[in-house]
PDB file of all heavy atoms in Angstrom:
ATOM      1  N   GLY A   1       0.816  -1.192  -0.016  1.00  0.00           N
ATOM      2  CA  GLY A   1      -0.019   0.000  -0.001  1.00  0.00           C
ATOM      3  C   GLY A   1       0.854   1.275  -0.006  1.00  0.00           C
ATOM      4  O   GLY A   1       0.553   2.244  -0.691  1.00  0.00           O
ATOM      5  N   ALA A   2       1.923   1.281   0.802  1.00  0.00           N
ATOM      6  CA  ALA A   2       2.789   2.457   0.867  1.00  0.00           C
ATOM      7  C   ALA A   2       3.584   2.601  -0.433  1.00  0.00           C
ATOM      8  O   ALA A   2       3.667   3.722  -0.938  1.00  0.00           O
ATOM      9  CB  ALA A   2       3.773   2.314   2.041  1.00  0.00           C
ATOM     10  N   LEU A   3       4.142   1.565  -0.931  1.00  0.00           N
ATOM     11  CA  LEU A   3       5.007   1.634  -2.082  1.00  0.00           C
ATOM     12  C   LEU A   3       4.226   2.060  -3.326  1.00  0.00           C
ATOM     13  O   LEU A   3       4.548   2.966  -4.030  1.00  0.00           O
ATOM     14  CB  LEU A   3       5.730   0.336  -2.307  1.00  0.00           C
ATOM     15  CG  LEU A   3       6.618   0.171  -3.559  1.00  0.00           C
ATOM     16  CD1 LEU A   3       7.750   1.230  -3.443  1.00  0.00           C
ATOM     17  CD2 LEU A   3       7.199  -1.156  -3.702  1.00  0.00           C
ATOM     18  N   ILE A   4       3.179   1.265  -3.653  1.00  0.00           N
ATOM     19  CA  ILE A   4       2.379   1.553  -4.878  1.00  0.00           C
ATOM     20  C   ILE A   4       1.572   2.818  -4.689  1.00  0.00           C
ATOM     21  O   ILE A   4       1.370   3.511  -5.674  1.00  0.00           O
ATOM     22  CB  ILE A   4       1.449   0.337  -5.195  1.00  0.00           C
ATOM     23  CG1 ILE A   4       2.240  -0.925  -5.251  1.00  0.00           C
ATOM     24  CG2 ILE A   4       0.742   0.578  -6.540  1.00  0.00           C
ATOM     25  CD1 ILE A   4       3.384  -0.941  -6.220  1.00  0.00           C
ATOM     26  N   GLY A   5       1.161   3.140  -3.455  1.00  0.00           N
ATOM     27  CA  GLY A   5       0.474   4.450  -3.233  1.00  0.00           C
ATOM     28  C   GLY A   5       1.389   5.601  -3.596  1.00  0.00           C
ATOM     29  O   GLY A   5       0.985   6.610  -4.155  1.00  0.00           O
ATOM     30  N   HIS A   6       2.680   5.464  -3.236  1.00  0.00           N
ATOM     31  CA  HIS A   6       3.640   6.545  -3.564  1.00  0.00           C
ATOM     32  C   HIS A   6       3.790   6.651  -5.152  1.00  0.00           C
ATOM     33  O   HIS A   6       3.834   7.727  -5.620  1.00  0.00           O
ATOM     34  CB  HIS A   6       4.988   6.127  -2.934  1.00  0.00           C
ATOM     35  CG  HIS A   6       6.085   7.146  -3.289  1.00  0.00           C
ATOM     36  ND1 HIS A   6       6.096   8.490  -2.926  1.00  0.00           N
ATOM     37  CD2 HIS A   6       7.203   6.966  -4.091  1.00  0.00           C
ATOM     38  CE1 HIS A   6       7.185   9.078  -3.389  1.00  0.00           C
ATOM     39  NE2 HIS A   6       7.841   8.203  -4.103  1.00  0.00           N
ATOM     40  N   LEU A   7       3.839   5.536  -5.758  1.00  0.00           N
ATOM     41  CA  LEU A   7       3.910   5.529  -7.224  1.00  0.00           C
ATOM     42  C   LEU A   7       2.663   6.166  -7.847  1.00  0.00           C
ATOM     43  O   LEU A   7       2.722   6.881  -8.825  1.00  0.00           O
ATOM     44  CB  LEU A   7       4.087   4.081  -7.760  1.00  0.00           C
ATOM     45  CG  LEU A   7       5.397   3.420  -7.450  1.00  0.00           C
ATOM     46  CD1 LEU A   7       5.428   2.020  -8.047  1.00  0.00           C
ATOM     47  CD2 LEU A   7       6.640   4.171  -8.009  1.00  0.00           C
ATOM     48  N   GLY A   8       1.496   5.875  -7.236  1.00  0.00           N
ATOM     49  CA  GLY A   8       0.257   6.493  -7.711  1.00  0.00           C
ATOM     50  C   GLY A   8       0.306   7.978  -7.521  1.00  0.00           C
ATOM     51  O   GLY A   8      -0.273   8.734  -8.380  1.00  0.00           O
ATOM     52  N   ASP A   9       0.794   8.457  -6.423  1.00  0.00           N
ATOM     53  CA  ASP A   9       0.920   9.914  -6.222  1.00  0.00           C
ATOM     54  C   ASP A   9       1.790  10.568  -7.237  1.00  0.00           C
ATOM     55  O   ASP A   9       1.455  11.742  -7.713  1.00  0.00           O
ATOM     56  CB  ASP A   9       1.504  10.148  -4.822  1.00  0.00           C
ATOM     57  CG  ASP A   9       0.534   9.800  -3.680  1.00  0.00           C
ATOM     58  OD1 ASP A   9      -0.718   9.717  -3.958  1.00  0.00           O
ATOM     59  OD2 ASP A   9       1.010   9.567  -2.571  1.00  0.00           O
ATOM     60  N   ARG A  10       2.789   9.991  -7.680  1.00  0.00           N
ATOM     61  CA  ARG A  10       3.769  10.493  -8.605  1.00  0.00           C
ATOM     62  C   ARG A  10       3.452  10.376 -10.061  1.00  0.00           C
ATOM     63  O   ARG A  10       3.605  11.239 -10.879  1.00  0.00           O
ATOM     64  CB  ARG A  10       5.151   9.938  -8.365  1.00  0.00           C
ATOM     65  CG  ARG A  10       5.758  10.367  -7.024  1.00  0.00           C
ATOM     66  CD  ARG A  10       7.179   9.727  -6.872  1.00  0.00           C
ATOM     67  NE  ARG A  10       8.061  10.191  -7.918  1.00  0.00           N
ATOM     68  CZ  ARG A  10       8.786  11.316  -7.838  1.00  0.00           C
ATOM     69  NH1 ARG A  10       8.743  12.113  -6.790  1.00  0.00           N
ATOM     70  NH2 ARG A  10       9.634  11.633  -8.832  1.00  0.00           N
ATOM     71  N   HIS A  11       2.803   9.208 -10.404  1.00  0.00           N
ATOM     72  CA  HIS A  11       2.619   8.840 -11.794  1.00  0.00           C
ATOM     73  C   HIS A  11       1.159   8.644 -12.162  1.00  0.00           C
ATOM     74  O   HIS A  11       0.881   8.359 -13.317  1.00  0.00           O
ATOM     75  CB  HIS A  11       3.439   7.569 -12.170  1.00  0.00           C
ATOM     76  CG  HIS A  11       4.899   7.684 -11.868  1.00  0.00           C
ATOM     77  ND1 HIS A  11       5.728   8.481 -12.646  1.00  0.00           N
ATOM     78  CD2 HIS A  11       5.677   7.130 -10.927  1.00  0.00           C
ATOM     79  CE1 HIS A  11       6.929   8.445 -12.173  1.00  0.00           C
ATOM     80  NE2 HIS A  11       6.964   7.603 -11.122  1.00  0.00           N
ATOM     81  N   GLY A  12       0.261   8.791 -11.208  1.00  0.00           N
ATOM     82  CA  GLY A  12      -1.200   8.620 -11.567  1.00  0.00           C
ATOM     83  C   GLY A  12      -1.745   7.322 -10.990  1.00  0.00           C
ATOM     84  O   GLY A  12      -1.034   6.289 -10.900  1.00  0.00           O
ATOM     85  N   ARG A  13      -3.074   7.309 -10.729  1.00  0.00           N
ATOM     86  CA  ARG A  13      -3.708   6.130 -10.155  1.00  0.00           C
ATOM     87  C   ARG A  13      -3.862   4.982 -11.148  1.00  0.00           C
ATOM     88  O   ARG A  13      -3.729   3.797 -10.790  1.00  0.00           O
ATOM     89  CB  ARG A  13      -5.044   6.499  -9.610  1.00  0.00           C
ATOM     90  CG  ARG A  13      -5.064   7.637  -8.561  1.00  0.00           C
ATOM     91  CD  ARG A  13      -4.266   7.162  -7.311  1.00  0.00           C
ATOM     92  NE  ARG A  13      -4.065   8.313  -6.407  1.00  0.00           N
ATOM     93  CZ  ARG A  13      -3.157   8.307  -5.463  1.00  0.00           C
ATOM     94  NH1 ARG A  13      -2.332   7.306  -5.299  1.00  0.00           N
ATOM     95  NH2 ARG A  13      -3.009   9.381  -4.699  1.00  0.00           N
ATOM     96  N   ARG A  14      -4.039   5.328 -12.429  1.00  0.00           N
ATOM     97  CA  ARG A  14      -4.336   4.301 -13.413  1.00  0.00           C
ATOM     98  C   ARG A  14      -3.116   3.392 -13.557  1.00  0.00           C
ATOM     99  O   ARG A  14      -3.256   2.110 -13.509  1.00  0.00           O
ATOM    100  CB  ARG A  14      -4.746   4.876 -14.713  1.00  0.00           C
ATOM    101  CG  ARG A  14      -5.047   3.849 -15.823  1.00  0.00           C
ATOM    102  CD  ARG A  14      -5.499   4.534 -17.051  1.00  0.00           C
ATOM    103  NE  ARG A  14      -5.625   3.567 -18.156  1.00  0.00           N
ATOM    104  CZ  ARG A  14      -6.031   3.965 -19.374  1.00  0.00           C
ATOM    105  NH1 ARG A  14      -6.261   5.158 -19.647  1.00  0.00           N
ATOM    106  NH2 ARG A  14      -6.081   3.021 -20.338  1.00  0.00           N
ATOM    107  N   PRO A  15      -1.920   3.896 -13.765  1.00  0.00           N
ATOM    108  CA  PRO A  15      -0.732   2.972 -13.865  1.00  0.00           C
ATOM    109  C   PRO A  15      -0.531   2.187 -12.578  1.00  0.00           C
ATOM    110  O   PRO A  15      -0.106   1.015 -12.621  1.00  0.00           O
ATOM    111  CB  PRO A  15       0.436   3.954 -14.148  1.00  0.00           C
ATOM    112  CG  PRO A  15      -0.240   5.180 -14.683  1.00  0.00           C
ATOM    113  CD  PRO A  15      -1.511   5.293 -14.041  1.00  0.00           C
ATOM    114  N   ALA A  16      -0.750   2.823 -11.427  1.00  0.00           N
ATOM    115  CA  ALA A  16      -0.595   2.108 -10.145  1.00  0.00           C
ATOM    116  C   ALA A  16      -1.597   0.997  -9.976  1.00  0.00           C
ATOM    117  O   ALA A  16      -1.234  -0.131  -9.584  1.00  0.00           O
ATOM    118  CB  ALA A  16      -0.762   3.050  -9.005  1.00  0.00           C
ATOM    119  N   MET A  17      -2.852   1.246 -10.382  1.00  0.00           N
ATOM    120  CA  MET A  17      -3.857   0.142 -10.293  1.00  0.00           C
ATOM    121  C   MET A  17      -3.564  -0.957 -11.250  1.00  0.00           C
ATOM    122  O   MET A  17      -3.777  -2.159 -10.964  1.00  0.00           O
ATOM    123  CB  MET A  17      -5.249   0.741 -10.594  1.00  0.00           C
ATOM    124  CG  MET A  17      -5.692   1.763  -9.512  1.00  0.00           C
ATOM    125  SD  MET A  17      -5.834   1.131  -7.856  1.00  0.00           S
ATOM    126  CE  MET A  17      -7.341   0.199  -7.978  1.00  0.00           C
ATOM    127  N   LEU A  18      -3.055  -0.634 -12.479  1.00  0.00           N
ATOM    128  CA  LEU A  18      -2.703  -1.617 -13.452  1.00  0.00           C
ATOM    129  C   LEU A  18      -1.563  -2.505 -12.923  1.00  0.00           C
ATOM    130  O   LEU A  18      -1.552  -3.742 -13.051  1.00  0.00           O
ATOM    131  CB  LEU A  18      -2.308  -1.010 -14.720  1.00  0.00           C
ATOM    132  CG  LEU A  18      -1.805  -1.930 -15.882  1.00  0.00           C
ATOM    133  CD1 LEU A  18      -2.931  -2.937 -16.191  1.00  0.00           C
ATOM    134  CD2 LEU A  18      -1.459  -1.119 -17.095  1.00  0.00           C
ATOM    135  N   LEU A  19      -0.615  -1.864 -12.206  1.00  0.00           N
ATOM    136  CA  LEU A  19       0.501  -2.599 -11.612  1.00  0.00           C
ATOM    137  C   LEU A  19      -0.012  -3.580 -10.493  1.00  0.00           C
ATOM    138  O   LEU A  19       0.526  -4.707 -10.465  1.00  0.00           O
ATOM    139  CB  LEU A  19       1.491  -1.634 -11.030  1.00  0.00           C
ATOM    140  CG  LEU A  19       2.732  -2.262 -10.374  1.00  0.00           C
ATOM    141  CD1 LEU A  19       3.464  -3.095 -11.363  1.00  0.00           C
ATOM    142  CD2 LEU A  19       3.639  -1.111  -9.831  1.00  0.00           C
ATOM    143  N   THR A  20      -0.997  -3.160  -9.719  1.00  0.00           N
ATOM    144  CA  THR A  20      -1.468  -4.093  -8.687  1.00  0.00           C
ATOM    145  C   THR A  20      -2.212  -5.325  -9.318  1.00  0.00           C
ATOM    146  O   THR A  20      -2.011  -6.446  -8.764  1.00  0.00           O
ATOM    147  CB  THR A  20      -2.539  -3.396  -7.816  1.00  0.00           C
ATOM    148  OG1 THR A  20      -3.700  -2.977  -8.531  1.00  0.00           O
ATOM    149  CG2 THR A  20      -1.887  -2.156  -7.169  1.00  0.00           C
ATOM    150  N   ILE A  21      -2.896  -5.104 -10.405  1.00  0.00           N
ATOM    151  CA  ILE A  21      -3.531  -6.232 -11.119  1.00  0.00           C
ATOM    152  C   ILE A  21      -2.464  -7.183 -11.635  1.00  0.00           C
ATOM    153  O   ILE A  21      -2.619  -8.414 -11.538  1.00  0.00           O
ATOM    154  CB  ILE A  21      -4.401  -5.782 -12.278  1.00  0.00           C
ATOM    155  CG1 ILE A  21      -5.597  -4.946 -11.754  1.00  0.00           C
ATOM    156  CG2 ILE A  21      -4.878  -6.934 -13.133  1.00  0.00           C
ATOM    157  CD1 ILE A  21      -6.454  -4.267 -12.795  1.00  0.00           C
ATOM    158  N   LEU A  22      -1.429  -6.690 -12.246  1.00  0.00           N
ATOM    159  CA  LEU A  22      -0.371  -7.516 -12.739  1.00  0.00           C
ATOM    160  C   LEU A  22       0.348  -8.253 -11.603  1.00  0.00           C
ATOM    161  O   LEU A  22       0.713  -9.436 -11.760  1.00  0.00           O
ATOM    162  CB  LEU A  22       0.631  -6.639 -13.563  1.00  0.00           C
ATOM    163  CG  LEU A  22       0.107  -6.065 -14.852  1.00  0.00           C
ATOM    164  CD1 LEU A  22       1.173  -5.181 -15.500  1.00  0.00           C
ATOM    165  CD2 LEU A  22      -0.272  -7.223 -15.823  1.00  0.00           C
ATOM    166  N   MET A  23       0.583  -7.534 -10.519  1.00  0.00           N
ATOM    167  CA  MET A  23       1.320  -8.170  -9.375  1.00  0.00           C
ATOM    168  C   MET A  23       0.461  -9.365  -8.880  1.00  0.00           C
ATOM    169  O   MET A  23       1.010 -10.464  -8.635  1.00  0.00           O
ATOM    170  CB  MET A  23       1.482  -7.127  -8.232  1.00  0.00           C
ATOM    171  CG  MET A  23       2.582  -6.118  -8.519  1.00  0.00           C
ATOM    172  SD  MET A  23       2.558  -4.762  -7.351  1.00  0.00           S
ATOM    173  CE  MET A  23       3.035  -5.615  -5.849  1.00  0.00           C
ATOM    174  N   MET A  24      -0.845  -9.138  -8.631  1.00  0.00           N
ATOM    175  CA  MET A  24      -1.703 -10.140  -8.089  1.00  0.00           C
ATOM    176  C   MET A  24      -1.783 -11.317  -9.092  1.00  0.00           C
ATOM    177  O   MET A  24      -1.764 -12.491  -8.660  1.00  0.00           O
ATOM    178  CB  MET A  24      -3.044  -9.577  -7.739  1.00  0.00           C
ATOM    179  CG  MET A  24      -3.995 -10.571  -7.088  1.00  0.00           C
ATOM    180  SD  MET A  24      -3.417 -11.263  -5.521  1.00  0.00           S
ATOM    181  CE  MET A  24      -3.757  -9.856  -4.450  1.00  0.00           C
ATOM    182  N   GLY A  25      -2.034 -11.006 -10.334  1.00  0.00           N
ATOM    183  CA  GLY A  25      -2.177 -12.058 -11.350  1.00  0.00           C
ATOM    184  C   GLY A  25      -0.948 -12.919 -11.525  1.00  0.00           C
ATOM    185  O   GLY A  25      -1.003 -14.133 -11.480  1.00  0.00           O
ATOM    186  N   VAL A  26       0.237 -12.254 -11.622  1.00  0.00           N
ATOM    187  CA  VAL A  26       1.481 -13.007 -11.730  1.00  0.00           C
ATOM    188  C   VAL A  26       1.707 -13.900 -10.526  1.00  0.00           C
ATOM    189  O   VAL A  26       2.084 -15.053 -10.594  1.00  0.00           O
ATOM    190  CB  VAL A  26       2.643 -12.038 -11.936  1.00  0.00           C
ATOM    191  CG1 VAL A  26       3.952 -12.781 -11.780  1.00  0.00           C
ATOM    192  CG2 VAL A  26       2.523 -11.391 -13.284  1.00  0.00           C
ATOM    193  N   ALA A  27       1.481 -13.365  -9.305  1.00  0.00           N
ATOM    194  CA  ALA A  27       1.708 -14.074  -8.066  1.00  0.00           C
ATOM    195  C   ALA A  27       0.783 -15.284  -7.971  1.00  0.00           C
ATOM    196  O   ALA A  27       1.171 -16.444  -7.631  1.00  0.00           O
ATOM    197  CB  ALA A  27       1.589 -13.155  -6.820  1.00  0.00           C
ATOM    198  N   THR A  28      -0.503 -15.085  -8.230  1.00  0.00           N
ATOM    199  CA  THR A  28      -1.530 -16.160  -8.080  1.00  0.00           C
ATOM    200  C   THR A  28      -1.297 -17.237  -9.078  1.00  0.00           C
ATOM    201  O   THR A  28      -1.293 -18.464  -8.792  1.00  0.00           O
ATOM    202  CB  THR A  28      -2.942 -15.615  -8.176  1.00  0.00           C
ATOM    203  OG1 THR A  28      -3.107 -14.516  -7.260  1.00  0.00           O
ATOM    204  CG2 THR A  28      -3.951 -16.676  -7.972  1.00  0.00           C
ATOM    205  N   VAL A  29      -1.085 -16.857 -10.343  1.00  0.00           N
ATOM    206  CA  VAL A  29      -0.777 -17.900 -11.333  1.00  0.00           C
ATOM    207  C   VAL A  29       0.514 -18.577 -11.053  1.00  0.00           C
ATOM    208  O   VAL A  29       0.605 -19.843 -11.234  1.00  0.00           O
ATOM    209  CB  VAL A  29      -0.797 -17.299 -12.749  1.00  0.00           C
ATOM    210  CG1 VAL A  29      -0.398 -18.335 -13.846  1.00  0.00           C
ATOM    211  CG2 VAL A  29      -2.221 -16.706 -13.095  1.00  0.00           C
ATOM    212  N   GLY A  30       1.522 -17.797 -10.587  1.00  0.00           N
ATOM    213  CA  GLY A  30       2.807 -18.439 -10.305  1.00  0.00           C
ATOM    214  C   GLY A  30       2.691 -19.491  -9.241  1.00  0.00           C
ATOM    215  O   GLY A  30       3.298 -20.522  -9.266  1.00  0.00           O
ATOM    216  N   ILE A  31       1.910 -19.172  -8.156  1.00  0.00           N
ATOM    217  CA  ILE A  31       1.746 -20.114  -7.089  1.00  0.00           C
ATOM    218  C   ILE A  31       1.011 -21.435  -7.620  1.00  0.00           C
ATOM    219  O   ILE A  31       1.394 -22.540  -7.249  1.00  0.00           O
ATOM    220  CB  ILE A  31       0.864 -19.466  -5.961  1.00  0.00           C
ATOM    221  CG1 ILE A  31       1.682 -18.426  -5.257  1.00  0.00           C
ATOM    222  CG2 ILE A  31       0.390 -20.554  -4.951  1.00  0.00           C
ATOM    223  CD1 ILE A  31       0.888 -17.567  -4.276  1.00  0.00           C
TER     224      ILE A  31
END
């Protein structure tokens, strides 16, 4: 929350939200 929230503050919420989707998808499929 702190790390991606900081990225969202600097680069916009849309790229940050897209990154969270990719993180969760990669992690879940990887598991």
